[in-house]
């Protein structure tokens, strides 16, 4: 089976790690996730109602890394809007 020869890309053609956007990685501060109350270990974070894993806190929201469940903090509840009916329409005066 004679096939078409292809040139292999050299390592210089690949993007280096410095070209990618990078953020500083912060280690988890495990001592902030738990507290001791009455001689028992208590978890500070809430648990996910869907899968049971702990919710992470970041930027005004809590989210589950496993299933994607998200709770937004400081969000005003949505107000109900009344549907527009013919009676509620305002007619423009004729000129």
C-alpha atoms as a PDB file:
ATOM      1  CA  UNK A   1       0.000   0.000   0.000  1.00  0.00           C
ATOM      2  CA  UNK A   2       1.832   2.989  -1.230  1.00  0.00           C
ATOM      3  CA  UNK A   3       0.268   6.078   0.197  1.00  0.00           C
ATOM      4  CA  UNK A   4       0.814   9.748  -0.192  1.00  0.00           C
ATOM      5  CA  UNK A   5       3.679  11.012   1.929  1.00  0.00           C
ATOM      6  CA  UNK A   6       2.854  13.830   4.287  1.00  0.00           C
ATOM      7  CA  UNK A   7       5.293  16.073   6.041  1.00  0.00           C
ATOM      8  CA  UNK A   8       5.168  15.974   9.804  1.00  0.00           C
ATOM      9  CA  UNK A   9       4.888  19.325  11.481  1.00  0.00           C
ATOM     10  CA  UNK A  10       7.912  20.337  13.414  1.00  0.00           C
ATOM     11  CA  UNK A  11       7.679  21.362  17.044  1.00  0.00           C
ATOM     12  CA  UNK A  12       8.273  25.021  16.169  1.00  0.00           C
ATOM     13  CA  UNK A  13       4.911  25.225  14.359  1.00  0.00           C
ATOM     14  CA  UNK A  14       2.986  24.437  17.536  1.00  0.00           C
ATOM     15  CA  UNK A  15       1.843  27.226  19.824  1.00  0.00           C
ATOM     16  CA  UNK A  16       3.875  27.593  22.937  1.00  0.00           C
ATOM     17  CA  UNK A  17       2.323  27.856  26.377  1.00  0.00           C
ATOM     18  CA  UNK A  18       3.184  31.555  26.625  1.00  0.00           C
ATOM     19  CA  UNK A  19       0.839  32.374  23.712  1.00  0.00           C
ATOM     20  CA  UNK A  20      -2.201  31.069  25.548  1.00  0.00           C
ATOM     21  CA  UNK A  21      -4.110  33.252  27.961  1.00  0.00           C
ATOM     22  CA  UNK A  22      -3.220  32.244  31.454  1.00  0.00           C
ATOM     23  CA  UNK A  23      -4.638  33.057  34.844  1.00  0.00           C
ATOM     24  CA  UNK A  24      -2.893  32.575  38.115  1.00  0.00           C
ATOM     25  CA  UNK A  25      -3.988  29.369  39.792  1.00  0.00           C
ATOM     26  CA  UNK A  26      -4.950  29.723  43.437  1.00  0.00           C
ATOM     27  CA  UNK A  27      -4.793  26.709  45.698  1.00  0.00           C
ATOM     28  CA  UNK A  28      -7.889  25.792  47.689  1.00  0.00           C
ATOM     29  CA  UNK A  29      -7.745  27.092  51.255  1.00  0.00           C
ATOM     30  CA  UNK A  30      -9.101  23.988  52.916  1.00  0.00           C
ATOM     31  CA  UNK A  31      -9.131  25.558  56.379  1.00  0.00           C
ATOM     32  CA  UNK A  32     -11.799  28.018  55.154  1.00  0.00           C
ATOM     33  CA  UNK A  33     -14.134  25.258  53.924  1.00  0.00           C
ATOM     34  CA  UNK A  34     -14.713  23.719  57.363  1.00  0.00           C
ATOM     35  CA  UNK A  35     -15.188  24.846  60.953  1.00  0.00           C
ATOM     36  CA  UNK A  36     -15.414  23.057  64.275  1.00  0.00           C
ATOM     37  CA  UNK A  37     -18.583  23.600  66.297  1.00  0.00           C
ATOM     38  CA  UNK A  38     -19.373  21.640  69.486  1.00  0.00           C
ATOM     39  CA  UNK A  39     -16.511  19.271  68.763  1.00  0.00           C
ATOM     40  CA  UNK A  40     -17.888  18.360  65.323  1.00  0.00           C
ATOM     41  CA  UNK A  41     -16.603  19.224  61.876  1.00  0.00           C
ATOM     42  CA  UNK A  42     -19.101  21.420  59.961  1.00  0.00           C
ATOM     43  CA  UNK A  43     -18.952  22.227  56.225  1.00  0.00           C
ATOM     44  CA  UNK A  44     -19.328  25.951  55.431  1.00  0.00           C
ATOM     45  CA  UNK A  45     -20.373  25.595  51.770  1.00  0.00           C
ATOM     46  CA  UNK A  46     -23.809  24.483  50.650  1.00  0.00           C
ATOM     47  CA  UNK A  47     -24.252  21.169  48.884  1.00  0.00           C
ATOM     48  CA  UNK A  48     -25.753  20.773  45.414  1.00  0.00           C
ATOM     49  CA  UNK A  49     -29.440  19.735  45.446  1.00  0.00           C
ATOM     50  CA  UNK A  50     -28.992  17.795  42.177  1.00  0.00           C
ATOM     51  CA  UNK A  51     -25.829  15.748  42.697  1.00  0.00           C
ATOM     52  CA  UNK A  52     -24.777  16.342  46.331  1.00  0.00           C
ATOM     53  CA  UNK A  53     -21.298  17.809  45.701  1.00  0.00           C
ATOM     54  CA  UNK A  54     -20.164  21.025  47.384  1.00  0.00           C
ATOM     55  CA  UNK A  55     -20.934  24.321  45.674  1.00  0.00           C
ATOM     56  CA  UNK A  56     -18.009  26.625  44.872  1.00  0.00           C
ATOM     57  CA  UNK A  57     -18.297  30.365  45.553  1.00  0.00           C
ATOM     58  CA  UNK A  58     -17.083  32.929  43.011  1.00  0.00           C
ATOM     59  CA  UNK A  59     -18.095  36.370  41.721  1.00  0.00           C
ATOM     60  CA  UNK A  60     -21.512  36.626  43.346  1.00  0.00           C
ATOM     61  CA  UNK A  61     -22.655  33.125  42.538  1.00  0.00           C
ATOM     62  CA  UNK A  62     -22.386  29.588  43.801  1.00  0.00           C
ATOM     63  CA  UNK A  63     -22.009  26.769  41.304  1.00  0.00           C
ATOM     64  CA  UNK A  64     -21.516  23.020  41.134  1.00  0.00           C
ATOM     65  CA  UNK A  65     -18.515  21.810  39.149  1.00  0.00           C
ATOM     66  CA  UNK A  66     -20.137  18.424  38.588  1.00  0.00           C
ATOM     67  CA  UNK A  67     -23.542  19.155  37.108  1.00  0.00           C
ATOM     68  CA  UNK A  68     -23.428  22.929  36.451  1.00  0.00           C
ATOM     69  CA  UNK A  69     -26.181  23.912  38.918  1.00  0.00           C
ATOM     70  CA  UNK A  70     -25.842  27.663  39.698  1.00  0.00           C
ATOM     71  CA  UNK A  71     -27.288  29.964  42.367  1.00  0.00           C
ATOM     72  CA  UNK A  72     -26.914  33.706  41.760  1.00  0.00           C
ATOM     73  CA  UNK A  73     -26.613  35.980  44.806  1.00  0.00           C
ATOM     74  CA  UNK A  74     -27.960  39.537  45.109  1.00  0.00           C
ATOM     75  CA  UNK A  75     -30.380  39.135  42.224  1.00  0.00           C
ATOM     76  CA  UNK A  76     -33.655  40.999  42.538  1.00  0.00           C
ATOM     77  CA  UNK A  77     -36.708  38.781  42.035  1.00  0.00           C
ATOM     78  CA  UNK A  78     -38.413  39.170  38.704  1.00  0.00           C
ATOM     79  CA  UNK A  79     -41.606  41.203  38.772  1.00  0.00           C
ATOM     80  CA  UNK A  80     -44.586  39.939  36.905  1.00  0.00           C
ATOM     81  CA  UNK A  81     -45.633  41.981  33.906  1.00  0.00           C
ATOM     82  CA  UNK A  82     -49.261  42.323  32.976  1.00  0.00           C
ATOM     83  CA  UNK A  83     -50.204  41.344  29.418  1.00  0.00           C
ATOM     84  CA  UNK A  84     -51.238  44.209  27.171  1.00  0.00           C
ATOM     85  CA  UNK A  85     -54.931  44.174  26.345  1.00  0.00           C
ATOM     86  CA  UNK A  86     -56.940  46.387  24.051  1.00  0.00           C
ATOM     87  CA  UNK A  87     -58.477  48.182  27.037  1.00  0.00           C
ATOM     88  CA  UNK A  88     -55.089  49.124  28.484  1.00  0.00           C
ATOM     89  CA  UNK A  89     -53.756  50.576  25.209  1.00  0.00           C
ATOM     90  CA  UNK A  90     -53.532  54.358  25.141  1.00  0.00           C
ATOM     91  CA  UNK A  91     -54.907  55.983  22.043  1.00  0.00           C
ATOM     92  CA  UNK A  92     -53.059  58.928  20.559  1.00  0.00           C
ATOM     93  CA  UNK A  93     -55.118  62.079  20.063  1.00  0.00           C
ATOM     94  CA  UNK A  94     -55.966  62.907  16.436  1.00  0.00           C
ATOM     95  CA  UNK A  95     -54.447  66.119  15.042  1.00  0.00           C
END
